[in-house]
Amino acid sequence: MSFLFIFVEKIMQSVCFYIFFLIPFLSISQSINYVDNFGMKQGMWQKKYNNGNVRYEGFFKDNKETGLFRYFYEDGSLKLEKIFFHNSTAAAAHFYYKNGDIKSSGLYVNALKDSTWNYYDYDSLLVMTEQYVNGKLNGVTKTFYNEGSIYEIKNWYDNILDGVWKQFYLNGNLKMKAQYKNNVREGEEFYYYPNGNILSSGFYKNNFKTGVWKYYFEDGSIDTTINFNE
């Protein structure tokens, strides 16, 4: 009997030991807006608007956002979802209109826009795509008509327009072709009729028309010429 008593006593001591250390842990993990002894955010965090609705909610680990964070409009509808990964240095983001439809989506790296971002209208149709590197426009921006065909293409380098600029008609034919250099219109430009024939052509220099510009009728015959240097 003494052996059994000692055995049960040991079990009870072990149970008490785990309960003693487990209760504080559970209370911490279930608390909201907890800051540990080192001043780091841990566990579930939530902030609210003055009207009591949640502004945002998500989990922190050692002061870093982890997993899914959700942000809300003041009326309570979902505004933004961010999923953090790569040790919280990157986040996939989805913005929403108040009716719940997707508004835009893309990637953040070190809290800056990166890679391709997509933007949508109220009918969830893709209206524009942009390319970013370290929070700056780098690469191609495309804008679309509502029915999906391409309307405009621009090229960027570090938030500066640089390279070919094109616009298109709904039928896909080229409407305009121009050049930007260091955010300034520079070089030869062409404008076209919907049938593909040239409407006008000439040169830009430092954002201004220069030299002789030619204007055409829709059948391709010459209409008039203007010398912008005179």
C-alpha atoms as a PDB file:
ATOM      1  CA  MET A   1       0.000   0.000   0.000  1.00  0.00           C
ATOM      2  CA  SER A   2       2.817   2.417   0.804  1.00  0.00           C
ATOM      3  CA  PHE A   3       4.290   1.818  -2.670  1.00  0.00           C
ATOM      4  CA  LEU A   4       0.956   2.623  -4.329  1.00  0.00           C
ATOM      5  CA  PHE A   5       0.579   5.762  -2.220  1.00  0.00           C
ATOM      6  CA  ILE A   6       4.048   6.975  -3.233  1.00  0.00           C
ATOM      7  CA  PHE A   7       3.269   6.241  -6.907  1.00  0.00           C
ATOM      8  CA  VAL A   8       0.001   8.217  -6.842  1.00  0.00           C
ATOM      9  CA  GLU A   9       1.703  11.048  -4.990  1.00  0.00           C
ATOM     10  CA  LYS A  10       4.367  11.265  -7.700  1.00  0.00           C
ATOM     11  CA  ILE A  11       1.695  11.432 -10.407  1.00  0.00           C
ATOM     12  CA  MET A  12      -0.131  14.203  -8.573  1.00  0.00           C
ATOM     13  CA  GLN A  13       3.069  16.161  -8.187  1.00  0.00           C
ATOM     14  CA  SER A  14       3.706  15.862 -11.928  1.00  0.00           C
ATOM     15  CA  VAL A  15       0.164  16.969 -12.759  1.00  0.00           C
ATOM     16  CA  CYS A  16       0.463  19.962 -10.422  1.00  0.00           C
ATOM     17  CA  PHE A  17       3.813  20.823 -11.993  1.00  0.00           C
ATOM     18  CA  TYR A  18       2.367  20.958 -15.529  1.00  0.00           C
ATOM     19  CA  ILE A  19      -0.752  22.834 -14.409  1.00  0.00           C
ATOM     20  CA  PHE A  20       1.421  25.376 -12.622  1.00  0.00           C
ATOM     21  CA  PHE A  21       3.374  26.162 -15.798  1.00  0.00           C
ATOM     22  CA  LEU A  22       0.542  25.637 -18.287  1.00  0.00           C
ATOM     23  CA  ILE A  23      -1.994  28.065 -16.800  1.00  0.00           C
ATOM     24  CA  PRO A  24       0.187  31.181 -17.249  1.00  0.00           C
ATOM     25  CA  PHE A  25       0.967  30.089 -20.823  1.00  0.00           C
ATOM     26  CA  LEU A  26      -2.714  29.631 -21.669  1.00  0.00           C
ATOM     27  CA  SER A  27      -3.635  32.964 -20.145  1.00  0.00           C
ATOM     28  CA  ILE A  28      -0.952  34.662 -22.220  1.00  0.00           C
ATOM     29  CA  SER A  29      -1.903  32.909 -25.462  1.00  0.00           C
ATOM     30  CA  GLN A  30      -5.574  33.742 -24.982  1.00  0.00           C
ATOM     31  CA  SER A  31      -5.032  37.390 -24.033  1.00  0.00           C
ATOM     32  CA  ILE A  32      -5.267  40.160 -26.611  1.00  0.00           C
ATOM     33  CA  ASN A  33      -2.663  42.878 -27.265  1.00  0.00           C
ATOM     34  CA  TYR A  34      -0.099  41.151 -25.054  1.00  0.00           C
ATOM     35  CA  VAL A  35       3.419  42.565 -24.723  1.00  0.00           C
ATOM     36  CA  ASP A  36       6.010  40.304 -23.133  1.00  0.00           C
ATOM     37  CA  ASN A  37       8.692  41.278 -20.624  1.00  0.00           C
ATOM     38  CA  PHE A  38      11.033  42.228 -23.472  1.00  0.00           C
ATOM     39  CA  GLY A  39       8.517  44.691 -24.934  1.00  0.00           C
ATOM     40  CA  MET A  40       7.623  42.432 -27.839  1.00  0.00           C
ATOM     41  CA  LYS A  41       4.114  41.885 -29.172  1.00  0.00           C
ATOM     42  CA  GLN A  42       2.987  38.282 -28.839  1.00  0.00           C
ATOM     43  CA  GLY A  43      -0.145  36.384 -29.807  1.00  0.00           C
ATOM     44  CA  MET A  44      -3.453  37.860 -30.908  1.00  0.00           C
ATOM     45  CA  TRP A  45      -3.624  41.619 -31.477  1.00  0.00           C
ATOM     46  CA  GLN A  46      -6.704  43.637 -32.256  1.00  0.00           C
ATOM     47  CA  LYS A  47      -7.431  47.344 -32.621  1.00  0.00           C
ATOM     48  CA  LYS A  48     -10.864  48.951 -32.871  1.00  0.00           C
ATOM     49  CA  TYR A  49     -12.499  52.083 -34.245  1.00  0.00           C
ATOM     50  CA  ASN A  50     -14.241  54.526 -31.917  1.00  0.00           C
ATOM     51  CA  ASN A  51     -17.563  52.898 -32.831  1.00  0.00           C
ATOM     52  CA  GLY A  52     -16.331  49.562 -31.455  1.00  0.00           C
ATOM     53  CA  ASN A  53     -15.835  47.799 -34.787  1.00  0.00           C
ATOM     54  CA  VAL A  54     -12.533  46.024 -35.367  1.00  0.00           C
ATOM     55  CA  ARG A  55      -9.934  48.023 -37.313  1.00  0.00           C
ATOM     56  CA  TYR A  56      -7.472  45.137 -37.688  1.00  0.00           C
ATOM     57  CA  GLU A  57      -6.634  41.783 -36.133  1.00  0.00           C
ATOM     58  CA  GLY A  58      -3.829  39.266 -36.429  1.00  0.00           C
ATOM     59  CA  PHE A  59      -1.035  37.401 -34.652  1.00  0.00           C
ATOM     60  CA  PHE A  60       2.414  38.581 -33.644  1.00  0.00           C
ATOM     61  CA  LYS A  61       5.435  36.492 -32.795  1.00  0.00           C
ATOM     62  CA  ASP A  62       8.380  38.328 -31.289  1.00  0.00           C
ATOM     63  CA  ASN A  63       7.033  41.673 -32.547  1.00  0.00           C
ATOM     64  CA  LYS A  64       6.584  40.418 -36.124  1.00  0.00           C
ATOM     65  CA  GLU A  65       3.310  39.900 -37.975  1.00  0.00           C
ATOM     66  CA  THR A  66       2.772  36.246 -38.779  1.00  0.00           C
ATOM     67  CA  GLY A  67       0.159  34.451 -40.819  1.00  0.00           C
ATOM     68  CA  LEU A  68      -3.124  36.137 -41.700  1.00  0.00           C
ATOM     69  CA  PHE A  69      -3.894  39.766 -40.802  1.00  0.00           C
ATOM     70  CA  ARG A  70      -7.296  41.259 -41.579  1.00  0.00           C
ATOM     71  CA  TYR A  71      -8.153  44.955 -41.835  1.00  0.00           C
ATOM     72  CA  PHE A  72     -11.678  46.371 -41.911  1.00  0.00           C
ATOM     73  CA  TYR A  73     -13.571  49.469 -42.985  1.00  0.00           C
ATOM     74  CA  GLU A  74     -15.202  51.436 -40.180  1.00  0.00           C
ATOM     75  CA  ASP A  75     -18.576  49.860 -41.010  1.00  0.00           C
ATOM     76  CA  GLY A  76     -17.115  46.394 -40.368  1.00  0.00           C
ATOM     77  CA  SER A  77     -16.741  45.183 -43.953  1.00  0.00           C
ATOM     78  CA  LEU A  78     -13.433  43.584 -44.959  1.00  0.00           C
ATOM     79  CA  LYS A  79     -10.905  46.012 -46.417  1.00  0.00           C
ATOM     80  CA  LEU A  80      -7.618  44.108 -46.661  1.00  0.00           C
ATOM     81  CA  GLU A  81      -6.079  40.698 -46.039  1.00  0.00           C
ATOM     82  CA  LYS A  82      -2.332  40.196 -45.660  1.00  0.00           C
ATOM     83  CA  ILE A  83      -0.642  36.808 -45.365  1.00  0.00           C
ATOM     84  CA  PHE A  84       2.888  37.185 -43.984  1.00  0.00           C
ATOM     85  CA  PHE A  85       5.691  34.753 -44.848  1.00  0.00           C
ATOM     86  CA  HIS A  86       9.493  34.580 -45.235  1.00  0.00           C
ATOM     87  CA  ASN A  87       9.995  35.423 -41.561  1.00  0.00           C
ATOM     88  CA  SER A  88       7.433  38.240 -41.890  1.00  0.00           C
ATOM     89  CA  THR A  89       9.507  40.132 -44.485  1.00  0.00           C
ATOM     90  CA  ALA A  90       6.953  39.507 -47.242  1.00  0.00           C
ATOM     91  CA  ALA A  91       3.174  39.600 -47.424  1.00  0.00           C
ATOM     92  CA  ALA A  92       0.623  38.689 -50.075  1.00  0.00           C
ATOM     93  CA  ALA A  93      -2.085  41.374 -50.009  1.00  0.00           C
ATOM     94  CA  HIS A  94      -5.697  41.467 -51.211  1.00  0.00           C
ATOM     95  CA  PHE A  95      -7.682  44.717 -51.008  1.00  0.00           C
ATOM     96  CA  TYR A  96     -11.488  44.680 -51.226  1.00  0.00           C
ATOM     97  CA  TYR A  97     -14.315  47.073 -52.036  1.00  0.00           C
ATOM     98  CA  LYS A  98     -16.945  47.439 -49.329  1.00  0.00           C
ATOM     99  CA  ASN A  99     -19.231  45.055 -51.241  1.00  0.00           C
ATOM    100  CA  GLY A 100     -16.625  42.294 -50.869  1.00  0.00           C
ATOM    101  CA  ASP A 101     -15.321  42.271 -54.457  1.00  0.00           C
ATOM    102  CA  ILE A 102     -11.584  42.270 -55.068  1.00  0.00           C
ATOM    103  CA  LYS A 103     -10.072  45.748 -55.561  1.00  0.00           C
ATOM    104  CA  SER A 104      -6.357  45.021 -55.945  1.00  0.00           C
ATOM    105  CA  SER A 105      -3.781  42.364 -55.142  1.00  0.00           C
ATOM    106  CA  GLY A 106      -0.026  42.104 -54.992  1.00  0.00           C
ATOM    107  CA  LEU A 107       3.074  41.462 -52.938  1.00  0.00           C
ATOM    108  CA  TYR A 108       4.821  43.513 -50.270  1.00  0.00           C
ATOM    109  CA  VAL A 109       8.501  42.950 -49.506  1.00  0.00           C
ATOM    110  CA  ASN A 110       9.849  44.822 -46.480  1.00  0.00           C
ATOM    111  CA  ALA A 111       6.548  46.782 -46.438  1.00  0.00           C
ATOM    112  CA  LEU A 112       7.112  48.036 -50.013  1.00  0.00           C
ATOM    113  CA  LYS A 113       5.207  47.047 -53.146  1.00  0.00           C
ATOM    114  CA  ASP A 114       7.053  44.454 -55.196  1.00  0.00           C
ATOM    115  CA  SER A 115       6.532  42.345 -58.327  1.00  0.00           C
ATOM    116  CA  THR A 116       3.217  42.490 -60.213  1.00  0.00           C
ATOM    117  CA  TRP A 117       0.162  44.282 -58.800  1.00  0.00           C
ATOM    118  CA  ASN A 118      -3.306  43.878 -60.283  1.00  0.00           C
ATOM    119  CA  TYR A 119      -6.196  46.356 -60.008  1.00  0.00           C
ATOM    120  CA  TYR A 120      -9.894  45.648 -60.583  1.00  0.00           C
ATOM    121  CA  ASP A 121     -13.078  47.668 -61.114  1.00  0.00           C
ATOM    122  CA  TYR A 122     -16.371  47.257 -59.209  1.00  0.00           C
ATOM    123  CA  ASP A 123     -17.302  44.372 -61.500  1.00  0.00           C
ATOM    124  CA  SER A 124     -14.073  42.505 -60.597  1.00  0.00           C
ATOM    125  CA  LEU A 125     -12.683  43.076 -64.097  1.00  0.00           C
ATOM    126  CA  LEU A 126      -8.944  43.602 -64.429  1.00  0.00           C
ATOM    127  CA  VAL A 127      -8.296  47.249 -65.395  1.00  0.00           C
ATOM    128  CA  MET A 128      -4.558  47.680 -64.758  1.00  0.00           C
ATOM    129  CA  THR A 129      -1.355  45.829 -63.905  1.00  0.00           C
ATOM    130  CA  GLU A 130       1.845  47.366 -62.568  1.00  0.00           C
ATOM    131  CA  GLN A 131       5.335  46.058 -61.826  1.00  0.00           C
ATOM    132  CA  TYR A 132       7.292  47.177 -58.786  1.00  0.00           C
ATOM    133  CA  VAL A 133      10.773  46.756 -57.331  1.00  0.00           C
ATOM    134  CA  ASN A 134      11.396  48.074 -53.798  1.00  0.00           C
ATOM    135  CA  GLY A 135       8.250  50.181 -53.842  1.00  0.00           C
ATOM    136  CA  LYS A 136       8.995  51.883 -57.170  1.00  0.00           C
ATOM    137  CA  LEU A 137       7.443  51.321 -60.567  1.00  0.00           C
ATOM    138  CA  ASN A 138       9.875  49.250 -62.602  1.00  0.00           C
ATOM    139  CA  GLY A 139       8.859  47.521 -65.807  1.00  0.00           C
ATOM    140  CA  VAL A 140       5.568  47.575 -67.690  1.00  0.00           C
ATOM    141  CA  THR A 141       2.246  49.147 -66.707  1.00  0.00           C
ATOM    142  CA  LYS A 142      -0.765  47.879 -68.659  1.00  0.00           C
ATOM    143  CA  THR A 143      -4.246  49.403 -68.698  1.00  0.00           C
ATOM    144  CA  PHE A 144      -7.251  47.518 -70.082  1.00  0.00           C
ATOM    145  CA  TYR A 145     -10.637  48.304 -71.566  1.00  0.00           C
ATOM    146  CA  ASN A 146     -13.628  46.980 -69.616  1.00  0.00           C
ATOM    147  CA  GLU A 147     -14.081  44.142 -72.091  1.00  0.00           C
ATOM    148  CA  GLY A 148     -10.509  42.977 -71.452  1.00  0.00           C
ATOM    149  CA  SER A 149      -8.432  44.136 -74.421  1.00  0.00           C
ATOM    150  CA  ILE A 150      -5.307  46.218 -73.893  1.00  0.00           C
ATOM    151  CA  TYR A 151      -5.692  50.010 -73.933  1.00  0.00           C
ATOM    152  CA  GLU A 152      -2.271  51.324 -72.916  1.00  0.00           C
ATOM    153  CA  ILE A 153       1.292  50.186 -72.249  1.00  0.00           C
ATOM    154  CA  LYS A 154       3.909  52.290 -70.458  1.00  0.00           C
ATOM    155  CA  ASN A 155       7.458  51.497 -69.341  1.00  0.00           C
ATOM    156  CA  TRP A 156       8.978  52.642 -66.063  1.00  0.00           C
ATOM    157  CA  TYR A 157      12.349  52.749 -64.361  1.00  0.00           C
ATOM    158  CA  ASP A 158      12.466  53.743 -60.674  1.00  0.00           C
ATOM    159  CA  ASN A 159       9.114  55.602 -60.863  1.00  0.00           C
ATOM    160  CA  ILE A 160      10.207  57.431 -64.022  1.00  0.00           C
ATOM    161  CA  LEU A 161       8.582  56.961 -67.430  1.00  0.00           C
ATOM    162  CA  ASP A 162      11.289  55.637 -69.722  1.00  0.00           C
ATOM    163  CA  GLY A 163      10.765  53.734 -72.960  1.00  0.00           C
ATOM    164  CA  VAL A 164       7.930  52.984 -75.352  1.00  0.00           C
ATOM    165  CA  TRP A 165       4.417  54.295 -74.730  1.00  0.00           C
ATOM    166  CA  LYS A 166       1.581  52.736 -76.726  1.00  0.00           C
ATOM    167  CA  GLN A 167      -2.186  53.089 -76.894  1.00  0.00           C
ATOM    168  CA  PHE A 168      -4.650  50.830 -78.730  1.00  0.00           C
ATOM    169  CA  TYR A 169      -8.169  50.923 -80.099  1.00  0.00           C
ATOM    170  CA  LEU A 170     -10.826  48.485 -78.937  1.00  0.00           C
ATOM    171  CA  ASN A 171     -10.251  46.423 -82.076  1.00  0.00           C
ATOM    172  CA  GLY A 172      -6.613  45.922 -81.064  1.00  0.00           C
ATOM    173  CA  ASN A 173      -5.106  48.209 -83.698  1.00  0.00           C
ATOM    174  CA  LEU A 174      -2.402  50.614 -82.624  1.00  0.00           C
ATOM    175  CA  LYS A 175      -3.708  54.105 -81.803  1.00  0.00           C
ATOM    176  CA  MET A 176      -0.488  55.845 -80.787  1.00  0.00           C
ATOM    177  CA  LYS A 177       3.192  55.074 -80.377  1.00  0.00           C
ATOM    178  CA  ALA A 178       5.570  57.418 -78.567  1.00  0.00           C
ATOM    179  CA  GLN A 179       8.727  57.473 -76.465  1.00  0.00           C
ATOM    180  CA  TYR A 180       9.579  58.703 -72.999  1.00  0.00           C
ATOM    181  CA  LYS A 181      13.124  59.374 -71.870  1.00  0.00           C
ATOM    182  CA  ASN A 182      13.698  60.216 -68.209  1.00  0.00           C
ATOM    183  CA  ASN A 183      10.031  61.213 -67.747  1.00  0.00           C
ATOM    184  CA  VAL A 184      10.056  63.464 -70.834  1.00  0.00           C
ATOM    185  CA  ARG A 185       8.403  62.860 -74.228  1.00  0.00           C
ATOM    186  CA  GLU A 186      11.267  62.534 -76.658  1.00  0.00           C
ATOM    187  CA  GLY A 187      11.589  61.223 -80.215  1.00  0.00           C
ATOM    188  CA  GLU A 188       9.236  60.300 -83.050  1.00  0.00           C
ATOM    189  CA  GLU A 189       5.513  59.803 -82.436  1.00  0.00           C
ATOM    190  CA  PHE A 190       2.816  58.229 -84.596  1.00  0.00           C
ATOM    191  CA  TYR A 191      -0.973  58.470 -84.322  1.00  0.00           C
ATOM    192  CA  TYR A 192      -3.235  56.096 -86.237  1.00  0.00           C
ATOM    193  CA  TYR A 193      -6.821  55.794 -87.434  1.00  0.00           C
ATOM    194  CA  PRO A 194      -8.778  52.711 -86.288  1.00  0.00           C
ATOM    195  CA  ASN A 195      -8.164  51.153 -89.730  1.00  0.00           C
ATOM    196  CA  GLY A 196      -4.413  51.278 -89.159  1.00  0.00           C
ATOM    197  CA  ASN A 197      -3.565  54.197 -91.447  1.00  0.00           C
ATOM    198  CA  ILE A 198      -1.400  57.008 -90.083  1.00  0.00           C
ATOM    199  CA  LEU A 199      -3.264  60.044 -88.745  1.00  0.00           C
ATOM    200  CA  SER A 200      -0.173  62.122 -87.916  1.00  0.00           C
ATOM    201  CA  SER A 201       3.549  61.798 -87.325  1.00  0.00           C
ATOM    202  CA  GLY A 202       6.342  63.991 -86.032  1.00  0.00           C
ATOM    203  CA  PHE A 203       8.901  64.488 -83.293  1.00  0.00           C
ATOM    204  CA  TYR A 204       8.858  65.568 -79.658  1.00  0.00           C
ATOM    205  CA  LYS A 205      11.810  67.206 -77.968  1.00  0.00           C
ATOM    206  CA  ASN A 206      11.781  67.873 -74.227  1.00  0.00           C
ATOM    207  CA  ASN A 207       7.967  67.448 -74.071  1.00  0.00           C
ATOM    208  CA  PHE A 208       7.242  69.782 -77.031  1.00  0.00           C
ATOM    209  CA  LYS A 209       6.455  69.134 -80.678  1.00  0.00           C
ATOM    210  CA  THR A 210       9.338  70.072 -82.904  1.00  0.00           C
ATOM    211  CA  GLY A 211      10.095  70.186 -86.615  1.00  0.00           C
ATOM    212  CA  VAL A 212       7.644  69.201 -89.333  1.00  0.00           C
ATOM    213  CA  TRP A 213       4.515  67.285 -88.366  1.00  0.00           C
ATOM    214  CA  LYS A 214       2.453  65.605 -91.094  1.00  0.00           C
ATOM    215  CA  TYR A 215      -1.298  65.026 -90.890  1.00  0.00           C
ATOM    216  CA  TYR A 216      -3.178  62.573 -93.115  1.00  0.00           C
ATOM    217  CA  PHE A 217      -6.694  61.784 -94.258  1.00  0.00           C
ATOM    218  CA  GLU A 218      -8.098  58.396 -93.293  1.00  0.00           C
ATOM    219  CA  ASP A 219      -7.423  57.048 -96.813  1.00  0.00           C
ATOM    220  CA  GLY A 220      -3.700  57.740 -96.342  1.00  0.00           C
ATOM    221  CA  SER A 221      -3.405  60.868 -98.469  1.00  0.00           C
ATOM    222  CA  ILE A 222      -1.658  63.908 -97.022  1.00  0.00           C
ATOM    223  CA  ASP A 223      -3.852  66.531 -95.377  1.00  0.00           C
ATOM    224  CA  THR A 224      -1.467  69.197 -94.111  1.00  0.00           C
ATOM    225  CA  THR A 225       1.980  69.784 -92.638  1.00  0.00           C
ATOM    226  CA  ILE A 226       2.981  72.054 -89.786  1.00  0.00           C
ATOM    227  CA  ASN A 227       6.492  73.211 -88.969  1.00  0.00           C
ATOM    228  CA  PHE A 228       6.650  73.760 -85.192  1.00  0.00           C
ATOM    229  CA  ASN A 229      10.068  75.394 -85.459  1.00  0.00           C
ATOM    230  CA  GLU A 230       8.758  78.364 -87.355  1.00  0.00           C
END
